[in-house]
C-alpha atoms as a PDB file:
ATOM      1  CA  UNK A   1      36.943 -21.679  -4.047  1.00  0.00           C
ATOM      2  CA  UNK A   2      34.905 -24.354  -6.010  1.00  0.00           C
ATOM      3  CA  UNK A   3      31.939 -26.274  -4.820  1.00  0.00           C
ATOM      4  CA  UNK A   4      33.539 -29.319  -5.159  1.00  0.00           C
ATOM      5  CA  UNK A   5      36.329 -28.071  -2.719  1.00  0.00           C
ATOM      6  CA  UNK A   6      33.689 -26.563  -0.093  1.00  0.00           C
ATOM      7  CA  UNK A   7      31.892 -30.144  -0.216  1.00  0.00           C
ATOM      8  CA  UNK A   8      34.673 -31.994   0.270  1.00  0.00           C
ATOM      9  CA  UNK A   9      36.073 -29.243   3.294  1.00  0.00           C
ATOM     10  CA  UNK A  10      32.359 -29.896   4.448  1.00  0.00           C
ATOM     11  CA  UNK A  11      32.415 -33.810   4.560  1.00  0.00           C
ATOM     12  CA  UNK A  12      36.142 -34.383   5.908  1.00  0.00           C
ATOM     13  CA  UNK A  13      35.034 -31.672   8.773  1.00  0.00           C
ATOM     14  CA  UNK A  14      35.021 -34.138  12.449  1.00  0.00           C
ATOM     15  CA  UNK A  15      31.902 -32.007  12.973  1.00  0.00           C
ATOM     16  CA  UNK A  16      30.046 -33.291   9.882  1.00  0.00           C
ATOM     17  CA  UNK A  17      27.757 -36.164  10.540  1.00  0.00           C
ATOM     18  CA  UNK A  18      26.323 -37.965   7.660  1.00  0.00           C
ATOM     19  CA  UNK A  19      23.179 -39.384   9.051  1.00  0.00           C
ATOM     20  CA  UNK A  20      22.078 -35.809  10.097  1.00  0.00           C
ATOM     21  CA  UNK A  21      23.029 -34.423   6.743  1.00  0.00           C
ATOM     22  CA  UNK A  22      20.809 -36.867   5.107  1.00  0.00           C
ATOM     23  CA  UNK A  23      17.807 -36.804   7.710  1.00  0.00           C
ATOM     24  CA  UNK A  24      18.070 -32.625   6.896  1.00  0.00           C
ATOM     25  CA  UNK A  25      18.092 -33.437   3.364  1.00  0.00           C
ATOM     26  CA  UNK A  26      15.149 -35.698   3.133  1.00  0.00           C
ATOM     27  CA  UNK A  27      13.291 -32.882   5.441  1.00  0.00           C
ATOM     28  CA  UNK A  28      14.221 -30.261   3.147  1.00  0.00           C
ATOM     29  CA  UNK A  29      13.090 -32.264   0.068  1.00  0.00           C
ATOM     30  CA  UNK A  30       9.713 -33.332   1.837  1.00  0.00           C
ATOM     31  CA  UNK A  31       8.998 -29.417   2.577  1.00  0.00           C
ATOM     32  CA  UNK A  32       9.809 -28.729  -0.928  1.00  0.00           C
ATOM     33  CA  UNK A  33       7.334 -31.444  -2.210  1.00  0.00           C
ATOM     34  CA  UNK A  34       4.627 -30.087   0.425  1.00  0.00           C
ATOM     35  CA  UNK A  35       5.300 -26.738  -0.862  1.00  0.00           C
ATOM     36  CA  UNK A  36       4.804 -27.677  -4.609  1.00  0.00           C
ATOM     37  CA  UNK A  37       1.660 -29.392  -4.239  1.00  0.00           C
ATOM     38  CA  UNK A  38       0.359 -26.445  -2.310  1.00  0.00           C
ATOM     39  CA  UNK A  39       1.046 -24.430  -5.080  1.00  0.00           C
ATOM     40  CA  UNK A  40      -0.507 -26.843  -7.491  1.00  0.00           C
ATOM     41  CA  UNK A  41      -3.405 -26.983  -5.075  1.00  0.00           C
ATOM     42  CA  UNK A  42      -3.834 -23.295  -5.056  1.00  0.00           C
ATOM     43  CA  UNK A  43      -3.587 -22.866  -8.850  1.00  0.00           C
ATOM     44  CA  UNK A  44      -6.464 -25.356  -9.378  1.00  0.00           C
ATOM     45  CA  UNK A  45      -8.397 -23.453  -7.180  1.00  0.00           C
ATOM     46  CA  UNK A  46      -7.959 -20.371  -8.664  1.00  0.00           C
ATOM     47  CA  UNK A  47      -8.833 -22.002 -12.159  1.00  0.00           C
ATOM     48  CA  UNK A  48     -11.845 -23.370 -10.445  1.00  0.00           C
ATOM     49  CA  UNK A  49     -12.875 -19.754  -9.128  1.00  0.00           C
ATOM     50  CA  UNK A  50     -11.600 -18.083 -12.688  1.00  0.00           C
ATOM     51  CA  UNK A  51     -14.225 -20.774 -14.031  1.00  0.00           C
ATOM     52  CA  UNK A  52     -17.128 -20.116 -11.850  1.00  0.00           C
ATOM     53  CA  UNK A  53     -16.750 -16.309 -12.367  1.00  0.00           C
ATOM     54  CA  UNK A  54     -17.158 -16.657 -15.863  1.00  0.00           C
ATOM     55  CA  UNK A  55     -19.990 -18.686 -15.382  1.00  0.00           C
ATOM     56  CA  UNK A  56     -21.527 -16.123 -13.191  1.00  0.00           C
ATOM     57  CA  UNK A  57     -20.628 -13.339 -15.621  1.00  0.00           C
ATOM     58  CA  UNK A  58     -22.245 -15.023 -18.603  1.00  0.00           C
ATOM     59  CA  UNK A  59     -25.015 -15.755 -16.850  1.00  0.00           C
ATOM     60  CA  UNK A  60     -25.399 -11.860 -15.641  1.00  0.00           C
ATOM     61  CA  UNK A  61     -24.454 -11.023 -19.218  1.00  0.00           C
ATOM     62  CA  UNK A  62     -27.415 -13.010 -20.422  1.00  0.00           C
ATOM     63  CA  UNK A  63     -29.888 -11.920 -17.709  1.00  0.00           C
ATOM     64  CA  UNK A  64     -29.398  -8.144 -18.564  1.00  0.00           C
ATOM     65  CA  UNK A  65     -29.399  -9.202 -22.762  1.00  0.00           C
ATOM     66  CA  UNK A  66     -32.970 -10.141 -22.151  1.00  0.00           C
ATOM     67  CA  UNK A  67     -33.835  -7.624 -19.681  1.00  0.00           C
ATOM     68  CA  UNK A  68     -32.522  -5.064 -22.529  1.00  0.00           C
ATOM     69  CA  UNK A  69     -35.538  -5.741 -24.922  1.00  0.00           C
ATOM     70  CA  UNK A  70     -33.358  -8.810 -26.529  1.00  0.00           C
ATOM     71  CA  UNK A  71     -30.331  -7.026 -27.640  1.00  0.00           C
ATOM     72  CA  UNK A  72     -27.583  -9.763 -27.811  1.00  0.00           C
ATOM     73  CA  UNK A  73     -24.515  -8.978 -26.113  1.00  0.00           C
ATOM     74  CA  UNK A  74     -20.741  -9.936 -27.233  1.00  0.00           C
ATOM     75  CA  UNK A  75     -19.207 -10.117 -23.832  1.00  0.00           C
ATOM     76  CA  UNK A  76     -17.960 -13.771 -23.538  1.00  0.00           C
ATOM     77  CA  UNK A  77     -15.452 -13.826 -20.942  1.00  0.00           C
ATOM     78  CA  UNK A  78     -13.619 -11.933 -18.104  1.00  0.00           C
ATOM     79  CA  UNK A  79     -10.665 -11.737 -20.462  1.00  0.00           C
ATOM     80  CA  UNK A  80     -12.717  -9.966 -23.224  1.00  0.00           C
ATOM     81  CA  UNK A  81     -14.086  -7.533 -20.517  1.00  0.00           C
ATOM     82  CA  UNK A  82     -10.771  -6.492 -19.188  1.00  0.00           C
ATOM     83  CA  UNK A  83      -9.729  -6.223 -22.783  1.00  0.00           C
ATOM     84  CA  UNK A  84     -12.352  -4.138 -23.598  1.00  0.00           C
ATOM     85  CA  UNK A  85     -11.650  -1.801 -20.469  1.00  0.00           C
ATOM     86  CA  UNK A  86      -8.171  -1.755 -21.252  1.00  0.00           C
ATOM     87  CA  UNK A  87      -9.217  -0.531 -25.032  1.00  0.00           C
ATOM     88  CA  UNK A  88     -11.692   1.995 -23.604  1.00  0.00           C
ATOM     89  CA  UNK A  89      -9.338   3.496 -20.928  1.00  0.00           C
ATOM     90  CA  UNK A  90      -7.676   6.525 -23.071  1.00  0.00           C
ATOM     91  CA  UNK A  91      -5.349   8.831 -20.953  1.00  0.00           C
ATOM     92  CA  UNK A  92      -7.059  12.261 -20.266  1.00  0.00           C
ATOM     93  CA  UNK A  93      -4.448  15.006 -21.592  1.00  0.00           C
ATOM     94  CA  UNK A  94      -3.081  17.979 -19.383  1.00  0.00           C
ATOM     95  CA  UNK A  95      -2.610  20.354 -22.260  1.00  0.00           C
ATOM     96  CA  UNK A  96      -5.845  21.831 -24.092  1.00  0.00           C
ATOM     97  CA  UNK A  97      -3.991  20.893 -27.368  1.00  0.00           C
ATOM     98  CA  UNK A  98      -4.474  17.180 -26.584  1.00  0.00           C
ATOM     99  CA  UNK A  99      -8.240  17.194 -26.168  1.00  0.00           C
ATOM    100  CA  UNK A 100      -8.879  16.520 -30.058  1.00  0.00           C
ATOM    101  CA  UNK A 101      -6.603  13.343 -29.894  1.00  0.00           C
ATOM    102  CA  UNK A 102      -8.371  12.207 -26.804  1.00  0.00           C
ATOM    103  CA  UNK A 103     -11.900  12.613 -28.463  1.00  0.00           C
ATOM    104  CA  UNK A 104     -10.977  10.909 -31.467  1.00  0.00           C
ATOM    105  CA  UNK A 105      -9.305   7.973 -29.874  1.00  0.00           C
ATOM    106  CA  UNK A 106     -12.539   7.756 -27.700  1.00  0.00           C
ATOM    107  CA  UNK A 107     -14.689   7.834 -30.857  1.00  0.00           C
ATOM    108  CA  UNK A 108     -12.896   5.293 -32.389  1.00  0.00           C
ATOM    109  CA  UNK A 109     -12.667   2.931 -29.380  1.00  0.00           C
ATOM    110  CA  UNK A 110     -16.347   3.241 -29.020  1.00  0.00           C
ATOM    111  CA  UNK A 111     -16.868   2.690 -33.161  1.00  0.00           C
ATOM    112  CA  UNK A 112     -14.885  -0.311 -32.621  1.00  0.00           C
ATOM    113  CA  UNK A 113     -16.766  -1.716 -30.003  1.00  0.00           C
ATOM    114  CA  UNK A 114     -20.301  -1.330 -31.247  1.00  0.00           C
ATOM    115  CA  UNK A 115     -21.278   0.974 -28.843  1.00  0.00           C
ATOM    116  CA  UNK A 116     -24.477   2.631 -29.138  1.00  0.00           C
ATOM    117  CA  UNK A 117     -24.720   6.323 -29.643  1.00  0.00           C
ATOM    118  CA  UNK A 118     -26.549   7.068 -26.388  1.00  0.00           C
ATOM    119  CA  UNK A 119     -23.081   7.139 -24.483  1.00  0.00           C
END
């Protein structure tokens, strides 16, 4: 049975009332619009919160840079920090054979991110 046949069957039923169906359709449409508006508002709030956190992060980075004898910091945003953590996070091997790879990967990641030798 196709959708058209099903629609015709419903509309031709003695229990079908067009006014009630239209009211129900209007209510459903209004609820969907309200839900969409709420989702847009939530997205905007999340965007504002992310921007606020990035500003706070940059302030903290600048403060820590001035406290660290004027060393310049290259961290600019929360996304860069997340990417650096992903880059510096290397899976610890289970077998003793994999330790060479682990340490060489760690050294390369530290060299790539210009981490000081004290770490």
